[in-house]
Amino acid sequence: MNPHETQELMDFIKQIRDRFDLTILLIEHDMKVVMGICEHIWVLDYGVTIAEGDPEKIQGDPKVIEAYLGEEYLQNA
């Protein structure tokens, strides 16, 4: 999807969630979408949960950073 379509999808999912007071399970790799929609996140690495929490906690979690950006990133950060 292009950026405009991505934003429309995010807005649509938020509208459904809020209008019908639903919990939505989202499986997604686009971090802009995940961080823009989710209130609570579980991060899996090879099928194992390595982190759980709100978007702010997930963004700063060293296990998540290492799993998705690599150990070298952590050493140079």
N, C-alpha and C. Protein backbone atom coordinates (compact mmCIF):
# COMPACT_ATOMS: atom_id res chain seq x y z
N MET A 1 0.84 -1.17 0.00
CA MET A 1 0.00 0.00 0.00
C MET A 1 0.89 1.24 0.00
N ASN A 2 0.38 2.29 -0.59
CA ASN A 2 1.11 3.55 -0.57
C ASN A 2 0.80 4.26 0.76
N PRO A 3 1.54 5.32 1.10
CA PRO A 3 1.33 6.00 2.39
C PRO A 3 -0.10 6.49 2.61
N HIS A 4 -0.74 6.98 1.57
CA HIS A 4 -2.13 7.46 1.71
C HIS A 4 -3.07 6.30 2.05
N GLU A 5 -2.92 5.19 1.36
CA GLU A 5 -3.76 4.02 1.64
C GLU A 5 -3.50 3.48 3.04
N THR A 6 -2.25 3.49 3.45
CA THR A 6 -1.90 3.04 4.80
C THR A 6 -2.60 3.89 5.84
N GLN A 7 -2.57 5.20 5.68
CA GLN A 7 -3.23 6.09 6.63
C GLN A 7 -4.75 5.88 6.63
N GLU A 8 -5.33 5.67 5.46
CA GLU A 8 -6.77 5.40 5.39
C GLU A 8 -7.12 4.12 6.13
N LEU A 9 -6.31 3.08 5.96
CA LEU A 9 -6.55 1.82 6.66
C LEU A 9 -6.44 2.02 8.17
N MET A 10 -5.43 2.76 8.61
CA MET A 10 -5.27 3.02 10.04
C MET A 10 -6.49 3.75 10.59
N ASP A 11 -6.94 4.76 9.90
CA ASP A 11 -8.12 5.52 10.33
C ASP A 11 -9.35 4.63 10.39
N PHE A 12 -9.52 3.77 9.39
CA PHE A 12 -10.67 2.87 9.33
C PHE A 12 -10.66 1.88 10.51
N ILE A 13 -9.51 1.30 10.80
CA ILE A 13 -9.42 0.36 11.92
C ILE A 13 -9.72 1.07 13.23
N LYS A 14 -9.20 2.27 13.42
CA LYS A 14 -9.48 3.04 14.64
C LYS A 14 -10.97 3.34 14.76
N GLN A 15 -11.61 3.71 13.65
CA GLN A 15 -13.05 4.00 13.68
C GLN A 15 -13.85 2.79 14.10
N ILE A 16 -13.54 1.63 13.53
CA ILE A 16 -14.25 0.40 13.89
C ILE A 16 -14.05 0.08 15.36
N ARG A 17 -12.79 0.15 15.81
CA ARG A 17 -12.47 -0.15 17.21
C ARG A 17 -13.25 0.76 18.15
N ASP A 18 -13.22 2.05 17.88
CA ASP A 18 -13.86 3.01 18.78
C ASP A 18 -15.38 3.00 18.68
N ARG A 19 -15.90 2.88 17.49
CA ARG A 19 -17.36 2.92 17.30
C ARG A 19 -18.05 1.72 17.94
N PHE A 20 -17.45 0.54 17.80
CA PHE A 20 -18.09 -0.68 18.30
C PHE A 20 -17.45 -1.19 19.59
N ASP A 21 -16.50 -0.43 20.14
CA ASP A 21 -15.82 -0.81 21.38
C ASP A 21 -15.28 -2.24 21.29
N LEU A 22 -14.49 -2.48 20.24
CA LEU A 22 -13.96 -3.81 19.97
C LEU A 22 -12.48 -3.90 20.29
N THR A 23 -12.05 -5.10 20.59
CA THR A 23 -10.63 -5.41 20.63
C THR A 23 -10.28 -5.99 19.28
N ILE A 24 -9.23 -5.47 18.67
CA ILE A 24 -8.83 -5.93 17.34
C ILE A 24 -7.44 -6.54 17.45
N LEU A 25 -7.29 -7.75 16.93
CA LEU A 25 -5.99 -8.39 16.87
C LEU A 25 -5.37 -8.04 15.52
N LEU A 26 -4.25 -7.36 15.56
CA LEU A 26 -3.58 -6.91 14.35
C LEU A 26 -2.23 -7.61 14.27
N ILE A 27 -1.99 -8.29 13.18
CA ILE A 27 -0.69 -8.90 12.93
C ILE A 27 -0.10 -8.12 11.77
N GLU A 28 0.96 -7.37 12.06
CA GLU A 28 1.49 -6.42 11.08
C GLU A 28 2.98 -6.21 11.31
N HIS A 29 3.70 -5.93 10.23
CA HIS A 29 5.13 -5.67 10.30
C HIS A 29 5.47 -4.21 10.04
N ASP A 30 4.51 -3.43 9.60
CA ASP A 30 4.73 -2.01 9.35
C ASP A 30 4.64 -1.29 10.70
N MET A 31 5.80 -0.85 11.22
CA MET A 31 5.83 -0.27 12.56
C MET A 31 5.04 1.03 12.68
N LYS A 32 4.91 1.78 11.59
CA LYS A 32 4.09 2.99 11.63
C LYS A 32 2.64 2.61 11.93
N VAL A 33 2.17 1.56 11.31
CA VAL A 33 0.80 1.09 11.54
C VAL A 33 0.65 0.57 12.96
N VAL A 34 1.56 -0.28 13.38
CA VAL A 34 1.48 -0.87 14.72
C VAL A 34 1.49 0.22 15.79
N MET A 35 2.46 1.13 15.71
CA MET A 35 2.58 2.17 16.73
C MET A 35 1.45 3.18 16.65
N GLY A 36 0.85 3.33 15.48
CA GLY A 36 -0.23 4.30 15.30
C GLY A 36 -1.60 3.80 15.71
N ILE A 37 -1.77 2.49 15.80
CA ILE A 37 -3.08 1.91 16.10
C ILE A 37 -3.13 1.25 17.47
N CYS A 38 -2.09 0.54 17.82
CA CYS A 38 -2.14 -0.35 18.97
C CYS A 38 -1.97 0.35 20.31
N GLU A 39 -2.75 -0.11 21.28
CA GLU A 39 -2.62 0.36 22.65
C GLU A 39 -1.77 -0.60 23.46
N HIS A 40 -1.74 -1.86 23.06
CA HIS A 40 -0.94 -2.89 23.73
C HIS A 40 -0.34 -3.78 22.65
N ILE A 41 0.93 -4.10 22.80
CA ILE A 41 1.66 -4.83 21.76
C ILE A 41 2.38 -6.03 22.37
N TRP A 42 2.35 -7.13 21.65
CA TRP A 42 3.17 -8.30 21.95
C TRP A 42 4.15 -8.43 20.79
N VAL A 43 5.42 -8.58 21.10
CA VAL A 43 6.44 -8.72 20.06
C VAL A 43 6.96 -10.15 20.10
N LEU A 44 6.93 -10.79 18.93
CA LEU A 44 7.42 -12.16 18.81
C LEU A 44 8.72 -12.17 18.03
N ASP A 45 9.60 -13.05 18.42
CA ASP A 45 10.84 -13.30 17.69
C ASP A 45 10.92 -14.80 17.52
N TYR A 46 10.78 -15.27 16.29
CA TYR A 46 10.76 -16.70 15.99
C TYR A 46 9.71 -17.43 16.84
N GLY A 47 8.54 -16.80 16.99
CA GLY A 47 7.43 -17.42 17.68
C GLY A 47 7.45 -17.32 19.19
N VAL A 48 8.46 -16.66 19.75
CA VAL A 48 8.58 -16.52 21.19
C VAL A 48 8.32 -15.06 21.56
N THR A 49 7.48 -14.84 22.56
CA THR A 49 7.21 -13.47 23.01
C THR A 49 8.45 -12.91 23.70
N ILE A 50 8.95 -11.79 23.18
CA ILE A 50 10.13 -11.17 23.78
C ILE A 50 9.81 -9.85 24.47
N ALA A 51 8.63 -9.30 24.23
CA ALA A 51 8.24 -8.05 24.90
C ALA A 51 6.74 -7.89 24.82
N GLU A 52 6.22 -7.15 25.79
CA GLU A 52 4.79 -6.87 25.85
C GLU A 52 4.60 -5.54 26.55
N GLY A 53 3.71 -4.71 26.01
CA GLY A 53 3.43 -3.45 26.66
C GLY A 53 2.89 -2.41 25.71
N ASP A 54 2.86 -1.16 26.18
CA ASP A 54 2.36 -0.08 25.34
C ASP A 54 3.43 0.30 24.30
N PRO A 55 3.05 1.06 23.29
CA PRO A 55 4.01 1.40 22.22
C PRO A 55 5.30 2.04 22.70
N GLU A 56 5.23 2.91 23.69
CA GLU A 56 6.43 3.58 24.19
C GLU A 56 7.40 2.58 24.81
N LYS A 57 6.85 1.64 25.59
CA LYS A 57 7.70 0.62 26.21
C LYS A 57 8.35 -0.26 25.15
N ILE A 58 7.59 -0.64 24.14
CA ILE A 58 8.10 -1.51 23.09
C ILE A 58 9.21 -0.84 22.31
N GLN A 59 9.03 0.43 21.99
CA GLN A 59 10.03 1.15 21.19
C GLN A 59 11.38 1.22 21.89
N GLY A 60 11.39 1.23 23.21
CA GLY A 60 12.65 1.34 23.94
C GLY A 60 13.18 0.02 24.49
N ASP A 61 12.50 -1.07 24.20
CA ASP A 61 12.90 -2.36 24.76
C ASP A 61 14.15 -2.89 24.06
N PRO A 62 15.24 -3.15 24.79
CA PRO A 62 16.47 -3.62 24.17
C PRO A 62 16.32 -4.94 23.42
N LYS A 63 15.46 -5.84 23.92
CA LYS A 63 15.25 -7.13 23.22
C LYS A 63 14.62 -6.90 21.86
N VAL A 64 13.67 -5.98 21.79
CA VAL A 64 13.00 -5.68 20.52
C VAL A 64 13.99 -5.02 19.56
N ILE A 65 14.74 -4.07 20.06
CA ILE A 65 15.71 -3.38 19.22
C ILE A 65 16.73 -4.37 18.67
N GLU A 66 17.24 -5.25 19.53
CA GLU A 66 18.22 -6.23 19.08
C GLU A 66 17.61 -7.19 18.06
N ALA A 67 16.38 -7.65 18.31
CA ALA A 67 15.75 -8.62 17.41
C ALA A 67 15.48 -8.02 16.04
N TYR A 68 15.11 -6.75 15.99
CA TYR A 68 14.71 -6.16 14.72
C TYR A 68 15.76 -5.28 14.07
N LEU A 69 16.71 -4.76 14.85
CA LEU A 69 17.74 -3.90 14.27
C LEU A 69 19.14 -4.51 14.40
N GLY A 70 19.29 -5.51 15.26
CA GLY A 70 20.56 -6.18 15.40
C GLY A 70 21.36 -5.72 16.60
N GLU A 71 22.22 -6.61 17.08
CA GLU A 71 23.07 -6.33 18.24
C GLU A 71 24.01 -5.16 17.97
N GLU A 72 24.46 -5.03 16.72
CA GLU A 72 25.37 -3.94 16.36
C GLU A 72 24.72 -2.58 16.59
N TYR A 73 23.43 -2.50 16.32
CA TYR A 73 22.72 -1.24 16.54
C TYR A 73 22.77 -0.84 18.00
N LEU A 74 22.54 -1.80 18.89
CA LEU A 74 22.56 -1.53 20.32
C LEU A 74 23.95 -1.07 20.77
N GLN A 75 24.98 -1.67 20.24
CA GLN A 75 26.35 -1.33 20.63
C GLN A 75 26.72 0.07 20.17
N ASN A 76 26.16 0.51 19.06
CA ASN A 76 26.49 1.82 18.49
C ASN A 76 25.52 2.92 18.87
N ALA A 77 24.47 2.56 19.60
CA ALA A 77 23.43 3.55 19.96
C ALA A 77 23.89 4.46 21.07
